[in-house]
Amino acid sequence: MAYQTWWRPLHVEALIATGDLSSAAPALADLVAASREARRCAGRGMAAGRLAQVHGDTGRA
């Protein structure tokens, strides 16, 4: 499962970059679940912040 913490942040970022925000939120939830299991993921915060930013939530971004 740890390998998922490498590619899932890139997947979330790609969904955001292409404007597929309805798919980005569930993908971020999958990333959070995978990172909890692996107990590490540097990209989780980046992906969560980016999604919050595009939704206009500057406090969370």
PDB file of N, CA and C in Angstrom:
ATOM      1  N   MET A   1       0.800  -1.200   0.000  1.00  0.00           N
ATOM      2  CA  MET A   1       0.000   0.000   0.000  1.00  0.00           C
ATOM      3  C   MET A   1       0.848   1.271   0.000  1.00  0.00           C
ATOM      4  N   ALA A   2       2.053   1.178   0.502  1.00  0.00           N
ATOM      5  CA  ALA A   2       2.885   2.379   0.614  1.00  0.00           C
ATOM      6  C   ALA A   2       3.158   3.015  -0.749  1.00  0.00           C
ATOM      7  N   TYR A   3       3.235   2.214  -1.790  1.00  0.00           N
ATOM      8  CA  TYR A   3       3.500   2.768  -3.117  1.00  0.00           C
ATOM      9  C   TYR A   3       2.406   3.734  -3.573  1.00  0.00           C
ATOM     10  N   GLN A   4       1.200   3.579  -3.044  1.00  0.00           N
ATOM     11  CA  GLN A   4       0.109   4.467  -3.433  1.00  0.00           C
ATOM     12  C   GLN A   4       0.359   5.905  -3.003  1.00  0.00           C
ATOM     13  N   THR A   5       1.141   6.085  -1.941  1.00  0.00           N
ATOM     14  CA  THR A   5       1.427   7.442  -1.471  1.00  0.00           C
ATOM     15  C   THR A   5       2.373   8.163  -2.416  1.00  0.00           C
ATOM     16  N   TRP A   6       2.945   7.460  -3.368  1.00  0.00           N
ATOM     17  CA  TRP A   6       3.810   8.099  -4.365  1.00  0.00           C
ATOM     18  C   TRP A   6       3.005   8.631  -5.538  1.00  0.00           C
ATOM     19  N   TRP A   7       2.043   7.837  -6.023  1.00  0.00           N
ATOM     20  CA  TRP A   7       1.341   8.252  -7.238  1.00  0.00           C
ATOM     21  C   TRP A   7       0.011   8.953  -6.973  1.00  0.00           C
ATOM     22  N   ARG A   8      -0.636   8.710  -5.857  1.00  0.00           N
ATOM     23  CA  ARG A   8      -1.930   9.337  -5.601  1.00  0.00           C
ATOM     24  C   ARG A   8      -1.872  10.868  -5.536  1.00  0.00           C
ATOM     25  N   PRO A   9      -0.826  11.488  -4.931  1.00  0.00           N
ATOM     26  CA  PRO A   9      -0.776  12.958  -4.961  1.00  0.00           C
ATOM     27  C   PRO A   9      -0.712  13.506  -6.392  1.00  0.00           C
ATOM     28  N   LEU A  10       0.016  12.814  -7.252  1.00  0.00           N
ATOM     29  CA  LEU A  10       0.096  13.244  -8.652  1.00  0.00           C
ATOM     30  C   LEU A  10      -1.252  13.081  -9.352  1.00  0.00           C
ATOM     31  N   HIS A  11      -1.963  12.035  -9.005  1.00  0.00           N
ATOM     32  CA  HIS A  11      -3.291  11.810  -9.591  1.00  0.00           C
ATOM     33  C   HIS A  11      -4.254  12.924  -9.187  1.00  0.00           C
ATOM     34  N   VAL A  12      -4.255  13.274  -7.896  1.00  0.00           N
ATOM     35  CA  VAL A  12      -5.124  14.355  -7.421  1.00  0.00           C
ATOM     36  C   VAL A  12      -4.753  15.661  -8.121  1.00  0.00           C
ATOM     37  N   GLU A  13      -3.466  15.958  -8.211  1.00  0.00           N
ATOM     38  CA  GLU A  13      -3.020  17.187  -8.877  1.00  0.00           C
ATOM     39  C   GLU A  13      -3.442  17.205 -10.342  1.00  0.00           C
ATOM     40  N   ALA A  14      -3.357  16.073 -11.022  1.00  0.00           N
ATOM     41  CA  ALA A  14      -3.771  16.006 -12.429  1.00  0.00           C
ATOM     42  C   ALA A  14      -5.272  16.251 -12.571  1.00  0.00           C
ATOM     43  N   LEU A  15      -6.058  15.695 -11.679  1.00  0.00           N
ATOM     44  CA  LEU A  15      -7.511  15.919 -11.726  1.00  0.00           C
ATOM     45  C   LEU A  15      -7.843  17.387 -11.515  1.00  0.00           C
ATOM     46  N   ILE A  16      -7.148  18.026 -10.577  1.00  0.00           N
ATOM     47  CA  ILE A  16      -7.373  19.446 -10.327  1.00  0.00           C
ATOM     48  C   ILE A  16      -6.951  20.270 -11.538  1.00  0.00           C
ATOM     49  N   ALA A  17      -5.794  19.960 -12.089  1.00  0.00           N
ATOM     50  CA  ALA A  17      -5.263  20.728 -13.225  1.00  0.00           C
ATOM     51  C   ALA A  17      -6.157  20.626 -14.455  1.00  0.00           C
ATOM     52  N   THR A  18      -6.834  19.502 -14.608  1.00  0.00           N
ATOM     53  CA  THR A  18      -7.714  19.334 -15.765  1.00  0.00           C
ATOM     54  C   THR A  18      -9.144  19.794 -15.478  1.00  0.00           C
ATOM     55  N   GLY A  19      -9.376  20.276 -14.246  1.00  0.00           N
ATOM     56  CA  GLY A  19     -10.694  20.805 -13.909  1.00  0.00           C
ATOM     57  C   GLY A  19     -11.703  19.771 -13.467  1.00  0.00           C
ATOM     58  N   ASP A  20     -11.269  18.548 -13.243  1.00  0.00           N
ATOM     59  CA  ASP A  20     -12.179  17.487 -12.820  1.00  0.00           C
ATOM     60  C   ASP A  20     -12.276  17.464 -11.295  1.00  0.00           C
ATOM     61  N   LEU A  21     -12.851  18.532 -10.731  1.00  0.00           N
ATOM     62  CA  LEU A  21     -12.900  18.692  -9.279  1.00  0.00           C
ATOM     63  C   LEU A  21     -13.825  17.684  -8.614  1.00  0.00           C
ATOM     64  N   SER A  22     -14.842  17.221  -9.319  1.00  0.00           N
ATOM     65  CA  SER A  22     -15.755  16.238  -8.726  1.00  0.00           C
ATOM     66  C   SER A  22     -15.056  14.893  -8.514  1.00  0.00           C
ATOM     67  N   SER A  23     -14.041  14.609  -9.288  1.00  0.00           N
ATOM     68  CA  SER A  23     -13.258  13.381  -9.091  1.00  0.00           C
ATOM     69  C   SER A  23     -12.076  13.609  -8.157  1.00  0.00           C
ATOM     70  N   ALA A  24     -11.636  14.844  -8.028  1.00  0.00           N
ATOM     71  CA  ALA A  24     -10.465  15.145  -7.198  1.00  0.00           C
ATOM     72  C   ALA A  24     -10.754  14.920  -5.719  1.00  0.00           C
ATOM     73  N   ALA A  25     -11.938  15.272  -5.251  1.00  0.00           N
ATOM     74  CA  ALA A  25     -12.268  15.107  -3.831  1.00  0.00           C
ATOM     75  C   ALA A  25     -12.249  13.628  -3.400  1.00  0.00           C
ATOM     76  N   PRO A  26     -12.894  12.724  -4.132  1.00  0.00           N
ATOM     77  CA  PRO A  26     -12.795  11.309  -3.746  1.00  0.00           C
ATOM     78  C   PRO A  26     -11.371  10.758  -3.882  1.00  0.00           C
ATOM     79  N   ALA A  27     -10.640  11.234  -4.872  1.00  0.00           N
ATOM     80  CA  ALA A  27      -9.251  10.794  -5.031  1.00  0.00           C
ATOM     81  C   ALA A  27      -8.409  11.258  -3.853  1.00  0.00           C
ATOM     82  N   LEU A  28      -8.687  12.465  -3.354  1.00  0.00           N
ATOM     83  CA  LEU A  28      -7.980  12.959  -2.173  1.00  0.00           C
ATOM     84  C   LEU A  28      -8.337  12.114  -0.951  1.00  0.00           C
ATOM     85  N   ALA A  29      -9.592  11.729  -0.825  1.00  0.00           N
ATOM     86  CA  ALA A  29      -9.999  10.864   0.286  1.00  0.00           C
ATOM     87  C   ALA A  29      -9.273   9.519   0.227  1.00  0.00           C
ATOM     88  N   ASP A  30      -9.111   8.981  -0.973  1.00  0.00           N
ATOM     89  CA  ASP A  30      -8.354   7.736  -1.137  1.00  0.00           C
ATOM     90  C   ASP A  30      -6.892   7.935  -0.740  1.00  0.00           C
ATOM     91  N   LEU A  31      -6.329   9.085  -1.097  1.00  0.00           N
ATOM     92  CA  LEU A  31      -4.946   9.406  -0.730  1.00  0.00           C
ATOM     93  C   LEU A  31      -4.796   9.487   0.781  1.00  0.00           C
ATOM     94  N   VAL A  32      -5.736  10.144   1.440  1.00  0.00           N
ATOM     95  CA  VAL A  32      -5.685  10.265   2.908  1.00  0.00           C
ATOM     96  C   VAL A  32      -5.751   8.882   3.550  1.00  0.00           C
ATOM     97  N   ALA A  33      -6.633   8.032   3.064  1.00  0.00           N
ATOM     98  CA  ALA A  33      -6.749   6.669   3.611  1.00  0.00           C
ATOM     99  C   ALA A  33      -5.466   5.880   3.395  1.00  0.00           C
ATOM    100  N   ALA A  34      -4.893   5.978   2.210  1.00  0.00           N
ATOM    101  CA  ALA A  34      -3.655   5.251   1.914  1.00  0.00           C
ATOM    102  C   ALA A  34      -2.500   5.772   2.759  1.00  0.00           C
ATOM    103  N   SER A  35      -2.458   7.079   2.974  1.00  0.00           N
ATOM    104  CA  SER A  35      -1.347   7.639   3.744  1.00  0.00           C
ATOM    105  C   SER A  35      -1.470   7.303   5.227  1.00  0.00           C
ATOM    106  N   ARG A  36      -2.684   7.153   5.725  1.00  0.00           N
ATOM    107  CA  ARG A  36      -2.865   6.714   7.117  1.00  0.00           C
ATOM    108  C   ARG A  36      -2.335   5.300   7.296  1.00  0.00           C
ATOM    109  N   GLU A  37      -2.630   4.470   6.316  1.00  0.00           N
ATOM    110  CA  GLU A  37      -2.176   3.087   6.393  1.00  0.00           C
ATOM    111  C   GLU A  37      -0.657   3.002   6.291  1.00  0.00           C
ATOM    112  N   ALA A  38      -0.077   3.813   5.426  1.00  0.00           N
ATOM    113  CA  ALA A  38       1.374   3.802   5.235  1.00  0.00           C
ATOM    114  C   ALA A  38       2.089   4.622   6.302  1.00  0.00           C
ATOM    115  N   ARG A  39       1.342   5.473   7.009  1.00  0.00           N
ATOM    116  CA  ARG A  39       1.849   6.340   8.077  1.00  0.00           C
ATOM    117  C   ARG A  39       2.807   7.422   7.582  1.00  0.00           C
ATOM    118  N   ARG A  40       2.737   7.731   6.309  1.00  0.00           N
ATOM    119  CA  ARG A  40       3.541   8.829   5.782  1.00  0.00           C
ATOM    120  C   ARG A  40       3.048   9.190   4.377  1.00  0.00           C
ATOM    121  N   CYS A  41       3.156  10.441   4.052  1.00  0.00           N
ATOM    122  CA  CYS A  41       2.859  10.895   2.701  1.00  0.00           C
ATOM    123  C   CYS A  41       3.095  12.389   2.629  1.00  0.00           C
ATOM    124  N   ALA A  42       4.173  12.769   2.002  1.00  0.00           N
ATOM    125  CA  ALA A  42       4.494  14.189   1.879  1.00  0.00           C
ATOM    126  C   ALA A  42       3.513  14.903   0.960  1.00  0.00           C
ATOM    127  N   GLY A  43       2.980  14.215  -0.023  1.00  0.00           N
ATOM    128  CA  GLY A  43       2.102  14.837  -0.996  1.00  0.00           C
ATOM    129  C   GLY A  43       0.680  15.051  -0.529  1.00  0.00           C
ATOM    130  N   ARG A  44       0.305  14.471   0.590  1.00  0.00           N
ATOM    131  CA  ARG A  44      -1.078  14.593   1.065  1.00  0.00           C
ATOM    132  C   ARG A  44      -1.429  16.048   1.366  1.00  0.00           C
ATOM    133  N   GLY A  45      -0.558  16.734   2.075  1.00  0.00           N
ATOM    134  CA  GLY A  45      -0.813  18.136   2.410  1.00  0.00           C
ATOM    135  C   GLY A  45      -0.858  19.020   1.184  1.00  0.00           C
ATOM    136  N   MET A  46       0.030  18.740   0.237  1.00  0.00           N
ATOM    137  CA  MET A  46       0.054  19.518  -1.008  1.00  0.00           C
ATOM    138  C   MET A  46      -1.240  19.336  -1.783  1.00  0.00           C
ATOM    139  N   ALA A  47      -1.698  18.117  -1.887  1.00  0.00           N
ATOM    140  CA  ALA A  47      -2.914  17.843  -2.647  1.00  0.00           C
ATOM    141  C   ALA A  47      -4.137  18.447  -1.958  1.00  0.00           C
ATOM    142  N   ALA A  48      -4.198  18.315  -0.640  1.00  0.00           N
ATOM    143  CA  ALA A  48      -5.326  18.884   0.098  1.00  0.00           C
ATOM    144  C   ALA A  48      -5.340  20.409  -0.004  1.00  0.00           C
ATOM    145  N   GLY A  49      -4.174  21.018   0.098  1.00  0.00           N
ATOM    146  CA  GLY A  49      -4.081  22.473  -0.017  1.00  0.00           C
ATOM    147  C   GLY A  49      -4.451  22.974  -1.392  1.00  0.00           C
ATOM    148  N   ARG A  50      -4.035  22.265  -2.409  1.00  0.00           N
ATOM    149  CA  ARG A  50      -4.349  22.661  -3.788  1.00  0.00           C
ATOM    150  C   ARG A  50      -5.846  22.577  -4.054  1.00  0.00           C
ATOM    151  N   LEU A  51      -6.481  21.505  -3.564  1.00  0.00           N
ATOM    152  CA  LEU A  51      -7.922  21.359  -3.766  1.00  0.00           C
ATOM    153  C   LEU A  51      -8.674  22.448  -3.006  1.00  0.00           C
ATOM    154  N   ALA A  52      -8.242  22.751  -1.797  1.00  0.00           N
ATOM    155  CA  ALA A  52      -8.871  23.838  -1.029  1.00  0.00           C
ATOM    156  C   ALA A  52      -8.699  25.171  -1.758  1.00  0.00           C
ATOM    157  N   GLN A  53      -7.543  25.372  -2.351  1.00  0.00           N
ATOM    158  CA  GLN A  53      -7.278  26.619  -3.079  1.00  0.00           C
ATOM    159  C   GLN A  53      -8.230  26.806  -4.248  1.00  0.00           C
ATOM    160  N   VAL A  54      -8.439  25.772  -5.041  1.00  0.00           N
ATOM    161  CA  VAL A  54      -9.314  25.912  -6.211  1.00  0.00           C
ATOM    162  C   VAL A  54     -10.766  26.070  -5.814  1.00  0.00           C
ATOM    163  N   HIS A  55     -11.107  25.651  -4.604  1.00  0.00           N
ATOM    164  CA  HIS A  55     -12.466  25.859  -4.099  1.00  0.00           C
ATOM    165  C   HIS A  55     -12.602  27.194  -3.374  1.00  0.00           C
ATOM    166  N   GLY A  56     -11.519  27.982  -3.336  1.00  0.00           N
ATOM    167  CA  GLY A  56     -11.573  29.307  -2.733  1.00  0.00           C
ATOM    168  C   GLY A  56     -11.401  29.308  -1.226  1.00  0.00           C
ATOM    169  N   ASP A  57     -11.037  28.195  -0.641  1.00  0.00           N
ATOM    170  CA  ASP A  57     -10.850  28.098   0.812  1.00  0.00           C
ATOM    171  C   ASP A  57      -9.396  28.419   1.146  1.00  0.00           C
ATOM    172  N   THR A  58      -9.075  29.700   1.169  1.00  0.00           N
ATOM    173  CA  THR A  58      -7.675  30.111   1.403  1.00  0.00           C
ATOM    174  C   THR A  58      -7.217  29.810   2.813  1.00  0.00           C
ATOM    175  N   GLY A  59      -8.123  29.695   3.761  1.00  0.00           N
ATOM    176  CA  GLY A  59      -7.748  29.357   5.127  1.00  0.00           C
ATOM    177  C   GLY A  59      -7.164  27.954   5.235  1.00  0.00           C
ATOM    178  N   ARG A  60      -7.754  27.032   4.519  1.00  0.00           N
ATOM    179  CA  ARG A  60      -7.256  25.642   4.533  1.00  0.00           C
ATOM    180  C   ARG A  60      -6.116  25.446   3.561  1.00  0.00           C
ATOM    181  N   ALA A  61      -6.077  26.244   2.515  1.00  0.00           N
ATOM    182  CA  ALA A  61      -5.022  26.090   1.501  1.00  0.00           C
ATOM    183  C   ALA A  61      -3.698  26.463   2.106  1.00  0.00           C
TER     184      ALA A  61
END
